[in-house]
Amino acid sequence: MRLQAWQVGLDIQAGFARAIAVQRRRHGWQLRHWWQHPLPDFTLREGILHETAPLIAILSFWRKTLPSTLSLRISLPAQRIMQQRMAAPDVRMPEPARSAFIFAHAAKQFPLSIEHLVMDYRADPCGDNQMVVTAARQQEIEQWM
């Protein structure tokens, strides 16, 4: 059996940073590790990163404990992202035309121009034939890189 990469989720909020690592196994998921560290109050205010040193120290420590093969997903502060639901395009539409159609339609629903946004989409688990499009400002994403 091939060793599966760890799936790591990272949540950074005012006052704390949390991470959880899971690994896919034959009969489901296995919890590999979880972490929670406090952050000074001045690190993150209103979803904006003001002081990076404490966060970098925590992330550097975590990185040393993680395997070299992993998949990381980061949760951005909720007040800094936008979401819209929309009807999904016809399932027969091939990629990349499908993505282009979704992004073009979604761009009309967000208050900023598409040049200033980074967008992603997924099927809505609650809505029949619906998509959920998530957008964040490009500068917000760059701040976290």
C-alpha atoms as a PDB file:
ATOM      1  CA  MET A   1       0.000   0.000   0.000  1.00  0.00           C
ATOM      2  CA  ARG A   2       1.393   3.368  -1.033  1.00  0.00           C
ATOM      3  CA  LEU A   3       1.948   5.865   1.770  1.00  0.00           C
ATOM      4  CA  GLN A   4      -0.648   8.628   1.514  1.00  0.00           C
ATOM      5  CA  ALA A   5       0.260  12.267   2.108  1.00  0.00           C
ATOM      6  CA  TRP A   6      -1.005  13.909   5.248  1.00  0.00           C
ATOM      7  CA  GLN A   7      -3.929  16.289   4.715  1.00  0.00           C
ATOM      8  CA  VAL A   8      -3.369  19.317   6.955  1.00  0.00           C
ATOM      9  CA  GLY A   9      -5.964  21.981   7.682  1.00  0.00           C
ATOM     10  CA  LEU A  10      -4.785  25.280   9.174  1.00  0.00           C
ATOM     11  CA  ASP A  11      -7.102  27.769  10.894  1.00  0.00           C
ATOM     12  CA  ILE A  12      -5.670  31.117  11.994  1.00  0.00           C
ATOM     13  CA  GLN A  13      -7.999  33.339  13.989  1.00  0.00           C
ATOM     14  CA  ALA A  14      -7.643  36.163  16.494  1.00  0.00           C
ATOM     15  CA  GLY A  15      -6.025  34.682  19.583  1.00  0.00           C
ATOM     16  CA  PHE A  16      -5.063  31.225  18.293  1.00  0.00           C
ATOM     17  CA  ALA A  17      -3.744  29.092  15.465  1.00  0.00           C
ATOM     18  CA  ARG A  18      -5.043  25.541  15.045  1.00  0.00           C
ATOM     19  CA  ALA A  19      -4.074  22.725  12.742  1.00  0.00           C
ATOM     20  CA  ILE A  20      -5.274  19.185  12.227  1.00  0.00           C
ATOM     21  CA  ALA A  21      -3.531  16.455  10.246  1.00  0.00           C
ATOM     22  CA  VAL A  22      -5.304  13.386   8.899  1.00  0.00           C
ATOM     23  CA  GLN A  23      -4.239  10.584   6.615  1.00  0.00           C
ATOM     24  CA  ARG A  24      -6.396   8.480   4.321  1.00  0.00           C
ATOM     25  CA  ARG A  25      -6.392   4.805   5.255  1.00  0.00           C
ATOM     26  CA  ARG A  26      -7.999   1.718   3.800  1.00  0.00           C
ATOM     27  CA  HIS A  27     -11.132   1.984   5.960  1.00  0.00           C
ATOM     28  CA  GLY A  28     -11.398   5.756   6.398  1.00  0.00           C
ATOM     29  CA  TRP A  29      -9.374   8.599   7.841  1.00  0.00           C
ATOM     30  CA  GLN A  30      -6.799   8.445  10.626  1.00  0.00           C
ATOM     31  CA  LEU A  31      -6.085  11.422  12.858  1.00  0.00           C
ATOM     32  CA  ARG A  32      -2.317  11.868  12.775  1.00  0.00           C
ATOM     33  CA  HIS A  33      -1.944  14.946  14.950  1.00  0.00           C
ATOM     34  CA  TRP A  34      -3.618  18.171  16.040  1.00  0.00           C
ATOM     35  CA  TRP A  35      -2.198  21.414  17.394  1.00  0.00           C
ATOM     36  CA  GLN A  36      -3.478  24.577  19.002  1.00  0.00           C
ATOM     37  CA  HIS A  37      -1.269  27.485  19.972  1.00  0.00           C
ATOM     38  CA  PRO A  38      -2.274  30.869  21.371  1.00  0.00           C
ATOM     39  CA  LEU A  39      -1.410  33.978  19.393  1.00  0.00           C
ATOM     40  CA  PRO A  40      -0.872  37.428  20.908  1.00  0.00           C
ATOM     41  CA  ASP A  41      -3.921  39.675  20.486  1.00  0.00           C
ATOM     42  CA  PHE A  42      -2.066  42.080  18.202  1.00  0.00           C
ATOM     43  CA  THR A  43      -1.196  39.385  15.624  1.00  0.00           C
ATOM     44  CA  LEU A  44      -4.550  39.361  13.846  1.00  0.00           C
ATOM     45  CA  ARG A  45      -7.201  42.077  14.062  1.00  0.00           C
ATOM     46  CA  GLU A  46     -10.414  42.137  12.008  1.00  0.00           C
ATOM     47  CA  GLY A  47      -9.030  39.363   9.826  1.00  0.00           C
ATOM     48  CA  ILE A  48      -5.909  41.332   8.889  1.00  0.00           C
ATOM     49  CA  LEU A  49      -2.447  40.054   9.779  1.00  0.00           C
ATOM     50  CA  HIS A  50      -0.617  42.832  11.649  1.00  0.00           C
ATOM     51  CA  GLU A  51       2.364  41.051  13.209  1.00  0.00           C
ATOM     52  CA  THR A  52       3.926  38.062  11.484  1.00  0.00           C
ATOM     53  CA  ALA A  53       6.729  37.043  13.886  1.00  0.00           C
ATOM     54  CA  PRO A  54       4.590  35.049  16.382  1.00  0.00           C
ATOM     55  CA  LEU A  55       2.762  33.272  13.572  1.00  0.00           C
ATOM     56  CA  ILE A  56       5.980  32.463  11.708  1.00  0.00           C
ATOM     57  CA  ALA A  57       7.439  30.965  14.895  1.00  0.00           C
ATOM     58  CA  ILE A  58       4.417  28.671  15.333  1.00  0.00           C
ATOM     59  CA  LEU A  59       4.307  27.654  11.670  1.00  0.00           C
ATOM     60  CA  SER A  60       8.058  26.951  11.637  1.00  0.00           C
ATOM     61  CA  PHE A  61       7.684  24.710  14.683  1.00  0.00           C
ATOM     62  CA  TRP A  62       4.772  22.845  13.088  1.00  0.00           C
ATOM     63  CA  ARG A  63       6.639  22.395   9.813  1.00  0.00           C
ATOM     64  CA  LYS A  64       9.488  20.625  11.614  1.00  0.00           C
ATOM     65  CA  THR A  65       7.047  18.076  13.051  1.00  0.00           C
ATOM     66  CA  LEU A  66       5.233  17.356   9.768  1.00  0.00           C
ATOM     67  CA  PRO A  67       6.330  14.866   7.107  1.00  0.00           C
ATOM     68  CA  SER A  68       7.776  16.218   3.882  1.00  0.00           C
ATOM     69  CA  THR A  69       4.782  15.012   1.842  1.00  0.00           C
ATOM     70  CA  LEU A  70       1.590  16.842   2.774  1.00  0.00           C
ATOM     71  CA  SER A  71      -1.350  18.725   1.358  1.00  0.00           C
ATOM     72  CA  LEU A  72      -2.146  21.996   3.130  1.00  0.00           C
ATOM     73  CA  ARG A  73      -5.466  23.818   3.224  1.00  0.00           C
ATOM     74  CA  ILE A  74      -5.728  27.202   4.889  1.00  0.00           C
ATOM     75  CA  SER A  75      -8.873  28.751   6.312  1.00  0.00           C
ATOM     76  CA  LEU A  76      -8.976  32.487   5.712  1.00  0.00           C
ATOM     77  CA  PRO A  77     -10.803  34.656   8.256  1.00  0.00           C
ATOM     78  CA  ALA A  78     -14.518  34.571   7.433  1.00  0.00           C
ATOM     79  CA  GLN A  79     -14.906  38.356   7.368  1.00  0.00           C
ATOM     80  CA  ARG A  80     -12.314  38.551   4.552  1.00  0.00           C
ATOM     81  CA  ILE A  81     -13.995  36.243   2.014  1.00  0.00           C
ATOM     82  CA  MET A  82     -17.191  36.329  -0.055  1.00  0.00           C
ATOM     83  CA  GLN A  83     -19.415  33.466  -1.189  1.00  0.00           C
ATOM     84  CA  GLN A  84     -22.222  33.233  -3.719  1.00  0.00           C
ATOM     85  CA  ARG A  85     -24.427  30.362  -4.822  1.00  0.00           C
ATOM     86  CA  MET A  86     -25.275  29.922  -8.465  1.00  0.00           C
ATOM     87  CA  ALA A  87     -26.775  27.358 -10.808  1.00  0.00           C
ATOM     88  CA  ALA A  88     -24.238  24.830 -12.027  1.00  0.00           C
ATOM     89  CA  PRO A  89     -23.548  24.725 -15.763  1.00  0.00           C
ATOM     90  CA  ASP A  90     -24.523  21.697 -17.824  1.00  0.00           C
ATOM     91  CA  VAL A  91     -22.481  18.669 -16.723  1.00  0.00           C
ATOM     92  CA  ARG A  92     -21.650  17.947 -20.366  1.00  0.00           C
ATOM     93  CA  MET A  93     -19.640  21.182 -20.590  1.00  0.00           C
ATOM     94  CA  PRO A  94     -15.938  20.183 -20.692  1.00  0.00           C
ATOM     95  CA  GLU A  95     -13.094  21.767 -18.770  1.00  0.00           C
ATOM     96  CA  PRO A  96     -11.665  24.424 -19.121  1.00  0.00           C
ATOM     97  CA  ALA A  97     -14.825  25.918 -20.641  1.00  0.00           C
ATOM     98  CA  ARG A  98     -16.759  24.919 -17.500  1.00  0.00           C
ATOM     99  CA  SER A  99     -14.415  26.842 -15.189  1.00  0.00           C
ATOM    100  CA  ALA A 100     -14.392  29.851 -17.499  1.00  0.00           C
ATOM    101  CA  PHE A 101     -18.204  29.897 -17.570  1.00  0.00           C
ATOM    102  CA  ILE A 102     -18.466  29.618 -13.764  1.00  0.00           C
ATOM    103  CA  PHE A 103     -15.923  32.375 -13.140  1.00  0.00           C
ATOM    104  CA  ALA A 104     -17.469  34.698 -15.744  1.00  0.00           C
ATOM    105  CA  HIS A 105     -20.940  34.238 -14.238  1.00  0.00           C
ATOM    106  CA  ALA A 106     -19.639  34.616 -10.674  1.00  0.00           C
ATOM    107  CA  ALA A 107     -17.697  37.778 -11.547  1.00  0.00           C
ATOM    108  CA  LYS A 108     -21.011  39.541 -12.189  1.00  0.00           C
ATOM    109  CA  GLN A 109     -22.212  38.733  -8.661  1.00  0.00           C
ATOM    110  CA  PHE A 110     -19.248  40.075  -6.671  1.00  0.00           C
ATOM    111  CA  PRO A 111     -18.762  43.783  -5.932  1.00  0.00           C
ATOM    112  CA  LEU A 112     -15.124  43.866  -7.116  1.00  0.00           C
ATOM    113  CA  SER A 113     -13.722  43.367 -10.596  1.00  0.00           C
ATOM    114  CA  ILE A 114     -12.443  39.911 -11.429  1.00  0.00           C
ATOM    115  CA  GLU A 115      -8.875  41.239 -11.759  1.00  0.00           C
ATOM    116  CA  HIS A 116      -8.831  41.913  -8.001  1.00  0.00           C
ATOM    117  CA  LEU A 117     -10.295  38.547  -6.960  1.00  0.00           C
ATOM    118  CA  VAL A 118      -9.100  34.992  -6.544  1.00  0.00           C
ATOM    119  CA  MET A 119     -11.981  32.546  -6.948  1.00  0.00           C
ATOM    120  CA  ASP A 120     -12.653  28.865  -6.411  1.00  0.00           C
ATOM    121  CA  TYR A 121     -15.824  26.796  -6.684  1.00  0.00           C
ATOM    122  CA  ARG A 122     -17.344  23.522  -5.561  1.00  0.00           C
ATOM    123  CA  ALA A 123     -20.644  21.715  -5.839  1.00  0.00           C
ATOM    124  CA  ASP A 124     -23.130  22.821  -3.184  1.00  0.00           C
ATOM    125  CA  PRO A 125     -23.756  19.774  -0.967  1.00  0.00           C
ATOM    126  CA  CYS A 126     -27.174  21.144   0.041  1.00  0.00           C
ATOM    127  CA  GLY A 127     -28.406  22.418  -3.298  1.00  0.00           C
ATOM    128  CA  ASP A 128     -29.434  20.338  -6.256  1.00  0.00           C
ATOM    129  CA  ASN A 129     -27.434  21.413  -9.322  1.00  0.00           C
ATOM    130  CA  GLN A 130     -25.920  24.379  -7.453  1.00  0.00           C
ATOM    131  CA  MET A 131     -22.356  25.680  -7.124  1.00  0.00           C
ATOM    132  CA  VAL A 132     -20.778  27.655  -4.296  1.00  0.00           C
ATOM    133  CA  VAL A 133     -18.230  30.187  -5.522  1.00  0.00           C
ATOM    134  CA  THR A 134     -15.776  31.540  -2.968  1.00  0.00           C
ATOM    135  CA  ALA A 135     -13.827  34.720  -3.673  1.00  0.00           C
ATOM    136  CA  ALA A 136     -11.143  36.616  -1.820  1.00  0.00           C
ATOM    137  CA  ARG A 137      -9.299  39.784  -2.688  1.00  0.00           C
ATOM    138  CA  GLN A 138      -5.975  39.122  -4.427  1.00  0.00           C
ATOM    139  CA  GLN A 139      -4.188  41.332  -1.876  1.00  0.00           C
ATOM    140  CA  GLU A 140      -5.629  39.231   0.979  1.00  0.00           C
ATOM    141  CA  ILE A 141      -4.174  36.065  -0.519  1.00  0.00           C
ATOM    142  CA  GLU A 142      -0.807  37.709  -1.157  1.00  0.00           C
ATOM    143  CA  GLN A 143      -0.695  38.849   2.475  1.00  0.00           C
ATOM    144  CA  TRP A 144      -0.782  35.212   3.608  1.00  0.00           C
ATOM    145  CA  MET A 145       1.833  33.949   1.122  1.00  0.00           C
END
